[in-house]
Amino acid sequence: MTDQSKGHVAVIGAGIVGICSAAYLQREGFRVTLVDAEEPGTMTSFGNAGAISGHSVTPMALPGIWKRVPGWLFDPLGPLAVRIGYAPKAAPWLMKFMAAAKDYEAQAAALAALYRPVREAYLTLTGDAGADHLLKQTGSVSVYETEAGFSGDAIVRELARRHGHRVEELTGDELRQLEPALGPQFVRAGYYPDGTHCRNPGELCRLLADMVLAAGGAHLRANVVGFETGADGVRALRTADGQSHAFGHYVIAAGAWSHRLSAELGEPFPLESERGYHMVLPHPGFETSRPISFGERKFMCTTMEMGLRLAGTVEFAGLEAAPNWERANKLLRHAGEIFRSVDISEAKPWMGNRPATPDSLPVVGRSKKHRNVAYGFGHGHLGLTGGAITGRHIASLIAGRAPDIDLSPFAIDRYAR
């Protein structure tokens, strides 16, 4: 390693976490290179529902979750589905997922600590990137078609309140004053007035990445397949074209592919692809004012610059399986049922791979085996929420400062202890 390379950081993965990590590292005085075969922000970070929701502290696995697993295996179009052929491979992860339910209180506390300053973490970057116009603080709302559905999610609202977030409980009439396009079947809602959302996640990534490159950052277009290590840590990364590239520090922020790289470094982690689908309606005939989450149907919609985005559902089928576009088409059927009137013509489908951990906690922190490696991945359906704050923590760690929260719940080795 040369003296020149010691202050040079390779950020592997140019999604929202990697881009924000690079931006914060530059603020610490480091040179940065984004390493990704794709354009920044064009993969999973491109297609999310746009919510930046610090109040989303409820882990996916809650007590009683095991009762739902059989249904996931036999409803390929359900809100959460496991493809039958993939079930044996997903089984170890699912077992850890169900076991995590017993610790949901501690997981919620860890998520609350991590995600509390998410808006501020973005605003530190977006002003310089010319991206402030993309962030809107109009809150978010979770809506329910039945009293039973509303009552069943009481724990979500209680955990948010317990960790300092404002939550209002609305009647159906109060909800329709906020979102008049919704149909008459919605009887209750939970309203989170402090929530922020992004009107174009792909554009946010592009503007932040352009800022990084304009400040001297580089983009190495390559797939990382391994590393060269020594007593002093990682000495170089190896790319699919057979090249080696030496840096002083390495950040693994490759989303749903990150566990393949951590395994190359001797730190395996149970990560699964939580595949999500979206449909964009270019001219729905109305605009919503904030992200709307549909409690019983398990998806969201958000008005964005390109139209109304319907996004969500969870499918476990691995990283290589072809998309099941019927899952995206079902979002269109939902749209026809939940809005008073909606134009679904020219709808555009998409599918992406969210990186999901069994306990809903991302991996954020230093490697336990290599002094010059840091991890930032596994945010599940909260990748946009966690992008900037994770980048800020990673930059602080590489700069040698102690974190301002306890990062031990997010350690890479928590399933190896």
Protein backbone atom coordinates (compact mmCIF):
# COMPACT_ATOMS: atom_id res chain seq x y z
CA MET A 1 0.00 0.00 0.00
CA THR A 2 1.40 3.36 -1.02
CA ASP A 3 1.14 6.53 1.05
CA GLN A 4 -1.19 7.87 -1.62
CA SER A 5 -3.61 4.94 -1.31
CA LYS A 6 -3.92 5.14 2.47
CA GLY A 7 -6.40 8.02 2.31
CA HIS A 8 -8.29 6.49 -0.62
CA VAL A 9 -11.52 4.58 0.09
CA ALA A 10 -13.18 2.06 -2.21
CA VAL A 11 -16.95 2.10 -1.71
CA ILE A 12 -18.23 -1.14 -3.23
CA GLY A 13 -21.80 -0.55 -4.33
CA ALA A 14 -23.24 2.63 -5.85
CA GLY A 15 -26.71 2.48 -4.37
CA ILE A 16 -28.02 5.05 -1.93
CA VAL A 17 -25.95 3.70 1.01
CA GLY A 18 -22.73 3.65 -1.01
CA ILE A 19 -23.30 7.07 -2.54
CA CYS A 20 -24.05 8.66 0.84
CA SER A 21 -21.03 6.92 2.37
CA ALA A 22 -18.84 8.36 -0.37
CA ALA A 23 -20.28 11.86 0.15
CA TYR A 24 -19.69 11.79 3.90
CA LEU A 25 -16.20 10.32 3.44
CA GLN A 26 -15.30 13.25 1.20
CA ARG A 27 -16.41 15.58 3.98
CA GLU A 28 -13.89 13.79 6.20
CA GLY A 29 -11.12 14.51 3.69
CA PHE A 30 -10.87 11.09 2.01
CA ARG A 31 -10.54 10.36 -1.69
CA VAL A 32 -13.32 8.00 -2.78
CA THR A 33 -13.98 5.63 -5.63
CA LEU A 34 -17.39 4.08 -6.16
CA VAL A 35 -16.96 0.53 -7.45
CA ASP A 36 -19.99 -0.76 -9.34
CA ALA A 37 -20.59 -2.16 -12.81
CA GLU A 38 -23.85 -0.19 -13.02
CA GLU A 39 -24.62 3.52 -13.05
CA PRO A 40 -25.05 4.94 -9.52
CA GLY A 41 -28.54 4.53 -8.12
CA THR A 42 -29.97 2.56 -11.04
CA MET A 43 -30.49 -0.78 -9.30
CA THR A 44 -32.51 -1.39 -6.12
CA SER A 45 -32.24 2.20 -4.92
CA PHE A 46 -34.05 3.36 -8.06
CA GLY A 47 -37.38 1.68 -7.43
CA ASN A 48 -38.42 2.15 -3.80
CA ALA A 49 -41.59 3.81 -2.50
CA GLY A 50 -39.73 7.00 -1.57
CA ALA A 51 -40.41 7.01 2.18
CA ILE A 52 -37.74 8.40 4.52
CA SER A 53 -39.41 7.33 7.72
CA GLY A 54 -37.52 7.51 10.99
CA HIS A 55 -40.67 6.28 12.74
CA SER A 56 -40.42 2.87 11.00
CA VAL A 57 -38.94 1.06 13.97
CA THR A 58 -41.03 -2.13 13.96
CA PRO A 59 -39.07 -5.22 12.87
CA MET A 60 -40.71 -7.56 10.36
CA ALA A 61 -40.64 -10.53 12.74
CA LEU A 62 -43.12 -10.13 15.58
CA PRO A 63 -44.48 -12.70 18.05
CA GLY A 64 -46.74 -15.19 16.29
CA ILE A 65 -45.08 -14.71 12.90
CA TRP A 66 -44.51 -18.47 12.60
CA LYS A 67 -48.25 -19.01 12.09
CA ARG A 68 -48.06 -17.17 8.75
CA VAL A 69 -45.21 -19.11 7.15
CA PRO A 70 -47.34 -21.94 5.64
CA GLY A 71 -49.49 -19.36 3.85
CA TRP A 72 -46.43 -17.76 2.30
CA LEU A 73 -45.55 -21.04 0.61
CA PHE A 74 -48.92 -21.54 -1.03
CA ASP A 75 -49.91 -18.08 -2.25
CA PRO A 76 -47.44 -16.95 -4.95
CA LEU A 77 -49.24 -13.61 -5.30
CA GLY A 78 -49.65 -12.93 -1.58
CA PRO A 79 -48.10 -9.90 0.15
CA LEU A 80 -45.21 -12.10 1.31
CA ALA A 81 -44.38 -15.17 -0.74
CA VAL A 82 -41.66 -17.83 -0.85
CA ARG A 83 -41.31 -19.62 -4.18
CA ILE A 84 -41.77 -23.33 -3.54
CA GLY A 85 -38.57 -24.27 -5.39
CA TYR A 86 -36.56 -21.77 -3.35
CA ALA A 87 -38.02 -22.76 0.04
CA PRO A 88 -35.24 -25.25 0.97
CA LYS A 89 -32.57 -22.61 0.35
CA ALA A 90 -34.55 -19.95 2.22
CA ALA A 91 -35.31 -22.25 5.17
CA PRO A 92 -32.22 -21.41 7.32
CA TRP A 93 -32.91 -17.68 6.93
CA LEU A 94 -36.61 -18.17 7.70
CA MET A 95 -35.76 -20.09 10.87
CA LYS A 96 -33.56 -17.22 12.05
CA PHE A 97 -36.30 -14.78 11.05
CA MET A 98 -38.91 -16.54 13.19
CA ALA A 99 -36.47 -16.83 16.10
CA ALA A 100 -35.79 -13.08 15.94
CA ALA A 101 -39.39 -12.33 16.97
CA LYS A 102 -38.60 -12.86 20.64
CA ASP A 103 -36.23 -9.87 20.62
CA TYR A 104 -38.45 -7.40 18.77
CA GLU A 105 -38.36 -4.82 21.60
CA ALA A 106 -34.55 -4.61 21.52
CA GLN A 107 -34.56 -4.52 17.71
CA ALA A 108 -37.06 -1.64 17.72
CA ALA A 109 -34.88 0.30 20.18
CA ALA A 110 -31.82 -0.21 17.98
CA LEU A 111 -33.69 0.88 14.84
CA ALA A 112 -35.05 3.93 16.65
CA ALA A 113 -31.57 5.02 17.67
CA LEU A 114 -30.18 4.52 14.16
CA TYR A 115 -33.04 6.16 12.24
CA ARG A 116 -33.90 9.08 14.54
CA PRO A 117 -31.88 11.72 12.58
CA VAL A 118 -32.54 10.44 9.04
CA ARG A 119 -33.96 13.69 7.66
CA GLU A 120 -31.12 15.79 9.04
CA ALA A 121 -28.56 13.34 7.66
CA TYR A 122 -29.99 13.85 4.17
CA LEU A 123 -30.27 17.62 4.44
CA THR A 124 -26.55 17.80 5.21
CA LEU A 125 -25.96 16.46 1.69
CA THR A 126 -28.91 17.49 -0.45
CA GLY A 127 -28.31 21.25 -0.26
CA ASP A 128 -24.87 20.96 -1.85
CA ALA A 129 -26.21 18.44 -4.37
CA GLY A 130 -29.09 20.66 -5.48
CA ALA A 131 -31.55 17.99 -4.38
CA ASP A 132 -33.53 19.67 -1.60
CA HIS A 133 -36.54 20.03 -3.91
CA LEU A 134 -36.92 16.25 -4.01
CA LEU A 135 -37.61 15.92 -0.26
CA LYS A 136 -41.10 16.69 1.06
CA GLN A 137 -42.03 16.64 4.74
CA THR A 138 -45.79 16.02 4.54
CA GLY A 139 -45.93 12.97 6.78
CA SER A 140 -47.13 9.49 5.89
CA VAL A 141 -50.27 7.52 6.57
CA SER A 142 -51.09 3.82 7.08
CA VAL A 143 -54.68 3.01 6.12
CA TYR A 144 -56.96 0.10 7.00
CA GLU A 145 -60.11 -1.36 5.51
CA THR A 146 -61.12 -3.13 8.73
CA GLU A 147 -61.09 -2.38 12.42
CA ALA A 148 -59.37 -5.73 12.92
CA GLY A 149 -56.53 -4.71 10.62
CA PHE A 150 -56.14 -1.41 12.45
CA SER A 151 -56.12 -3.13 15.85
CA GLY A 152 -53.67 -5.76 14.61
CA ASP A 153 -51.10 -3.06 13.86
CA ALA A 154 -51.47 -1.31 17.22
CA ILE A 155 -47.98 -2.51 18.12
CA VAL A 156 -46.54 -0.53 15.18
CA ARG A 157 -48.06 2.70 16.43
CA GLU A 158 -47.14 1.96 20.05
CA LEU A 159 -43.47 1.29 19.25
CA ALA A 160 -43.27 4.51 17.23
CA ARG A 161 -44.78 6.53 20.12
CA ARG A 162 -42.56 4.85 22.68
CA HIS A 163 -39.50 5.97 20.74
CA GLY A 164 -40.55 9.59 20.49
CA HIS A 165 -42.49 9.83 17.22
CA ARG A 166 -45.80 11.59 16.80
CA VAL A 167 -48.69 9.33 15.77
CA GLU A 168 -52.31 10.32 15.25
CA GLU A 169 -55.19 7.86 14.92
CA LEU A 170 -57.75 8.91 12.32
CA THR A 171 -61.29 7.93 11.40
CA GLY A 172 -62.17 7.15 7.81
CA ASP A 173 -63.65 10.61 7.31
CA GLU A 174 -60.56 12.31 8.76
CA LEU A 175 -58.38 10.21 6.46
CA ARG A 176 -60.30 11.24 3.36
CA GLN A 177 -59.79 14.88 4.26
CA LEU A 178 -56.05 14.17 3.94
CA GLU A 179 -56.28 11.90 0.89
CA PRO A 180 -59.59 12.43 -0.97
CA ALA A 181 -58.66 10.04 -3.80
CA LEU A 182 -59.03 7.04 -1.51
CA GLY A 183 -62.20 4.95 -1.73
CA PRO A 184 -64.89 4.81 0.95
CA GLN A 185 -63.88 1.39 2.34
CA PHE A 186 -61.07 2.72 4.56
CA VAL A 187 -62.29 2.97 8.15
CA ARG A 188 -59.15 3.88 10.16
CA ALA A 189 -55.63 5.19 9.69
CA GLY A 190 -52.40 5.89 11.53
CA TYR A 191 -50.92 9.26 10.60
CA TYR A 192 -47.22 10.06 11.11
CA PRO A 193 -47.01 13.83 10.55
CA ASP A 194 -43.21 14.12 10.67
CA GLY A 195 -42.44 11.66 7.88
CA THR A 196 -40.44 12.75 4.82
CA HIS A 197 -40.54 11.32 1.33
CA CYS A 198 -38.56 11.64 -1.89
CA ARG A 199 -40.35 12.44 -5.14
CA ASN A 200 -37.72 10.75 -7.30
CA PRO A 201 -35.30 8.31 -5.60
CA GLY A 202 -33.37 7.64 -8.81
CA GLU A 203 -32.81 11.37 -9.35
CA LEU A 204 -31.76 11.80 -5.73
CA CYS A 205 -29.10 9.13 -6.24
CA ARG A 206 -27.97 10.75 -9.48
CA LEU A 207 -27.61 14.22 -8.00
CA LEU A 208 -25.73 12.94 -4.94
CA ALA A 209 -23.43 10.82 -7.13
CA ASP A 210 -22.78 13.78 -9.44
CA MET A 211 -21.79 15.81 -6.38
CA VAL A 212 -19.34 13.08 -5.31
CA LEU A 213 -17.79 12.90 -8.78
CA ALA A 214 -17.60 16.68 -9.13
CA ALA A 215 -15.70 16.83 -5.82
CA GLY A 216 -13.00 14.52 -7.17
CA GLY A 217 -14.57 11.11 -6.66
CA ALA A 218 -14.20 8.36 -9.24
CA HIS A 219 -16.39 5.55 -10.55
CA LEU A 220 -14.69 2.24 -11.27
CA ARG A 221 -17.08 0.24 -13.47
CA ALA A 222 -16.43 -3.30 -12.34
CA ASN A 223 -17.82 -6.24 -10.41
CA VAL A 224 -15.81 -7.14 -7.32
CA VAL A 225 -15.25 -10.88 -6.97
CA GLY A 226 -12.68 -11.10 -4.19
CA PHE A 227 -9.89 -9.52 -2.17
CA GLU A 228 -6.20 -9.76 -1.45
CA THR A 229 -5.55 -9.72 2.28
CA GLY A 230 -2.59 -9.60 4.58
CA ALA A 231 -1.68 -9.05 8.21
CA ASP A 232 -2.48 -5.35 7.87
CA GLY A 233 -5.99 -5.96 6.46
CA VAL A 234 -7.32 -5.92 2.92
CA ARG A 235 -4.64 -4.89 0.46
CA ALA A 236 -6.61 -4.88 -2.79
CA LEU A 237 -9.90 -5.83 -4.35
CA ARG A 238 -10.12 -8.12 -7.35
CA THR A 239 -12.57 -7.52 -10.18
CA ALA A 240 -14.23 -9.90 -12.62
CA ASP A 241 -11.87 -8.84 -15.42
CA GLY A 242 -8.87 -10.13 -13.43
CA GLN A 243 -7.58 -6.75 -12.27
CA SER A 244 -6.47 -5.80 -8.75
CA HIS A 245 -6.98 -2.33 -7.28
CA ALA A 246 -5.38 -1.20 -4.02
CA PHE A 247 -7.01 1.23 -1.59
CA GLY A 248 -6.48 2.25 2.00
CA HIS A 249 -10.01 1.42 3.17
CA TYR A 250 -12.96 -0.60 1.84
CA VAL A 251 -16.70 -0.14 2.39
CA ILE A 252 -19.02 -3.04 1.55
CA ALA A 253 -22.33 -1.48 0.55
CA ALA A 254 -23.42 -3.79 -2.25
CA GLY A 255 -27.00 -4.32 -1.12
CA ALA A 256 -28.37 -7.84 -1.56
CA TRP A 257 -25.01 -9.02 -2.93
CA SER A 258 -23.03 -7.84 0.11
CA HIS A 259 -22.99 -11.21 1.90
CA ARG A 260 -21.05 -12.72 -1.00
CA LEU A 261 -18.30 -10.16 -0.44
CA SER A 262 -18.34 -10.46 3.36
CA ALA A 263 -18.00 -14.25 2.96
CA GLU A 264 -14.90 -13.66 0.79
CA LEU A 265 -13.51 -11.76 3.79
CA GLY A 266 -14.26 -14.62 6.19
CA GLU A 267 -17.34 -12.96 7.67
CA PRO A 268 -20.43 -14.76 6.35
CA PHE A 269 -23.81 -13.25 7.13
CA PRO A 270 -27.38 -14.57 6.64
CA LEU A 271 -28.74 -12.18 4.01
CA GLU A 272 -31.67 -12.79 1.67
CA SER A 273 -33.11 -10.90 -1.26
CA GLU A 274 -36.47 -9.45 -0.25
CA ARG A 275 -37.63 -8.94 -3.84
CA GLY A 276 -40.00 -6.03 -4.31
CA TYR A 277 -42.07 -4.94 -7.29
CA HIS A 278 -43.46 -1.59 -8.39
CA MET A 279 -45.78 -0.14 -10.99
CA VAL A 280 -45.67 3.49 -12.05
CA LEU A 281 -48.90 5.04 -13.33
CA PRO A 282 -47.82 8.02 -15.50
CA HIS A 283 -51.19 9.81 -15.41
CA PRO A 284 -53.41 8.39 -12.65
CA GLY A 285 -55.75 11.38 -12.65
CA PHE A 286 -54.91 12.65 -9.16
CA GLU A 287 -52.02 13.20 -6.76
CA THR A 288 -51.61 11.90 -3.24
CA SER A 289 -50.03 14.27 -0.72
CA ARG A 290 -47.86 11.75 1.13
CA PRO A 291 -46.85 8.06 1.09
CA ILE A 292 -49.84 5.81 1.83
CA SER A 293 -49.28 2.33 3.25
CA PHE A 294 -52.14 -0.16 2.89
CA GLY A 295 -52.23 -2.21 6.07
CA GLU A 296 -54.07 -5.30 4.90
CA ARG A 297 -52.66 -5.35 1.36
CA LYS A 298 -49.01 -4.71 2.38
CA PHE A 299 -47.91 -2.22 -0.23
CA MET A 300 -47.47 1.55 -0.56
CA CYS A 301 -48.18 4.29 -3.04
CA THR A 302 -46.44 7.65 -3.45
CA THR A 303 -46.92 10.44 -5.96
CA MET A 304 -43.57 11.10 -7.64
CA GLU A 305 -42.28 13.22 -10.47
CA MET A 306 -42.87 10.41 -12.96
CA GLY A 307 -46.38 9.52 -11.72
CA LEU A 308 -48.01 7.45 -9.00
CA ARG A 309 -45.70 4.66 -7.84
CA LEU A 310 -47.30 1.53 -6.36
CA ALA A 311 -44.54 -0.36 -4.57
CA GLY A 312 -44.10 -3.18 -2.16
CA THR A 313 -44.79 -6.84 -1.49
CA VAL A 314 -42.06 -9.29 -0.53
CA GLU A 315 -40.95 -12.33 -2.51
CA PHE A 316 -38.17 -14.75 -1.59
CA ALA A 317 -36.79 -16.37 -4.72
CA GLY A 318 -33.08 -15.56 -4.64
CA LEU A 319 -30.98 -13.21 -6.75
CA GLU A 320 -31.07 -15.12 -10.02
CA ALA A 321 -34.75 -16.04 -10.50
CA ALA A 322 -36.72 -14.30 -13.23
CA PRO A 323 -39.33 -11.79 -12.07
CA ASN A 324 -42.90 -12.94 -11.56
CA TRP A 325 -44.63 -10.02 -13.26
CA GLU A 326 -48.01 -11.20 -12.04
CA ARG A 327 -46.96 -9.81 -8.67
CA ALA A 328 -46.58 -6.38 -10.28
CA ASN A 329 -49.86 -6.77 -12.14
CA LYS A 330 -51.61 -7.45 -8.85
CA LEU A 331 -50.63 -3.96 -7.75
CA LEU A 332 -52.72 -2.65 -10.64
CA ARG A 333 -55.69 -4.68 -9.46
CA HIS A 334 -55.24 -3.18 -6.00
CA ALA A 335 -55.21 0.30 -7.51
CA GLY A 336 -58.55 -0.27 -9.17
CA GLU A 337 -60.05 -1.24 -5.82
CA ILE A 338 -58.59 1.36 -3.44
CA PHE A 339 -59.05 4.62 -5.34
CA ARG A 340 -62.30 6.29 -6.32
CA SER A 341 -61.07 6.55 -9.90
CA VAL A 342 -57.65 5.80 -11.39
CA ASP A 343 -56.12 5.57 -14.86
CA ILE A 344 -53.78 2.56 -15.01
CA SER A 345 -52.90 2.85 -18.69
CA GLU A 346 -49.24 2.81 -19.74
CA ALA A 347 -48.22 1.36 -16.35
CA LYS A 348 -44.51 0.58 -16.11
CA PRO A 349 -43.35 -2.44 -14.02
CA TRP A 350 -40.05 -2.95 -12.18
CA MET A 351 -38.48 -5.43 -9.76
CA GLY A 352 -35.55 -4.99 -7.36
CA ASN A 353 -33.65 -6.97 -4.71
CA ARG A 354 -33.84 -5.53 -1.21
CA PRO A 355 -31.16 -6.88 1.20
CA ALA A 356 -33.02 -8.46 4.14
CA THR A 357 -31.58 -9.57 7.48
CA PRO A 358 -33.46 -12.00 9.78
CA ASP A 359 -33.72 -9.47 12.64
CA SER A 360 -34.54 -6.43 10.43
CA LEU A 361 -31.34 -4.72 11.62
CA PRO A 362 -28.87 -3.62 8.96
CA VAL A 363 -25.18 -4.38 9.18
CA VAL A 364 -23.42 -1.14 10.04
CA GLY A 365 -19.91 -1.09 11.48
CA ARG A 366 -16.36 -2.25 11.21
CA SER A 367 -15.17 -5.66 10.13
CA LYS A 368 -14.09 -7.85 13.02
CA LYS A 369 -11.26 -9.40 10.98
CA HIS A 370 -9.90 -6.61 8.78
CA ARG A 371 -9.05 -3.27 10.33
CA ASN A 372 -9.62 -1.29 7.10
CA VAL A 373 -13.07 -2.65 6.15
CA ALA A 374 -16.48 -1.29 7.09
CA TYR A 375 -19.95 -2.64 6.28
CA GLY A 376 -23.18 -0.86 5.40
CA PHE A 377 -25.90 -3.15 4.05
CA GLY A 378 -29.05 -5.09 4.92
CA HIS A 379 -31.59 -2.29 5.35
CA GLY A 380 -34.44 -4.33 3.82
CA HIS A 381 -37.35 -2.12 2.80
CA LEU A 382 -35.77 0.86 4.61
CA GLY A 383 -32.77 1.38 2.35
CA LEU A 384 -33.72 4.94 1.43
CA THR A 385 -34.50 5.72 5.06
CA GLY A 386 -31.12 4.47 6.21
CA GLY A 387 -28.90 5.63 3.34
CA ALA A 388 -27.61 8.96 4.61
CA ILE A 389 -27.36 8.13 8.30
CA THR A 390 -25.51 4.89 7.54
CA GLY A 391 -23.10 6.80 5.33
CA ARG A 392 -22.49 9.28 8.12
CA HIS A 393 -21.67 6.51 10.60
CA ILE A 394 -19.35 4.73 8.17
CA ALA A 395 -17.43 7.92 7.44
CA SER A 396 -17.03 8.64 11.16
CA LEU A 397 -15.73 5.13 11.82
CA ILE A 398 -13.17 5.30 9.01
CA ALA A 399 -12.10 8.73 10.26
CA GLY A 400 -11.35 7.11 13.62
CA ARG A 401 -14.16 8.59 15.71
CA ALA A 402 -16.32 6.64 18.13
CA PRO A 403 -19.94 6.31 16.95
CA ASP A 404 -22.54 8.54 18.59
CA ILE A 405 -24.87 5.57 19.10
CA ASP A 406 -24.28 1.97 20.10
CA LEU A 407 -23.57 0.12 16.86
CA SER A 408 -23.13 -3.31 18.50
CA PRO A 409 -26.69 -4.47 17.52
CA PHE A 410 -25.67 -3.99 13.87
CA ALA A 411 -22.40 -5.95 14.00
CA ILE A 412 -21.40 -8.25 11.13
CA ASP A 413 -20.64 -11.11 13.53
CA ARG A 414 -23.90 -11.13 15.52
CA TYR A 415 -24.95 -14.49 14.03
CA ALA A 416 -21.48 -15.99 14.52
CA ARG A 417 -21.23 -15.40 18.27
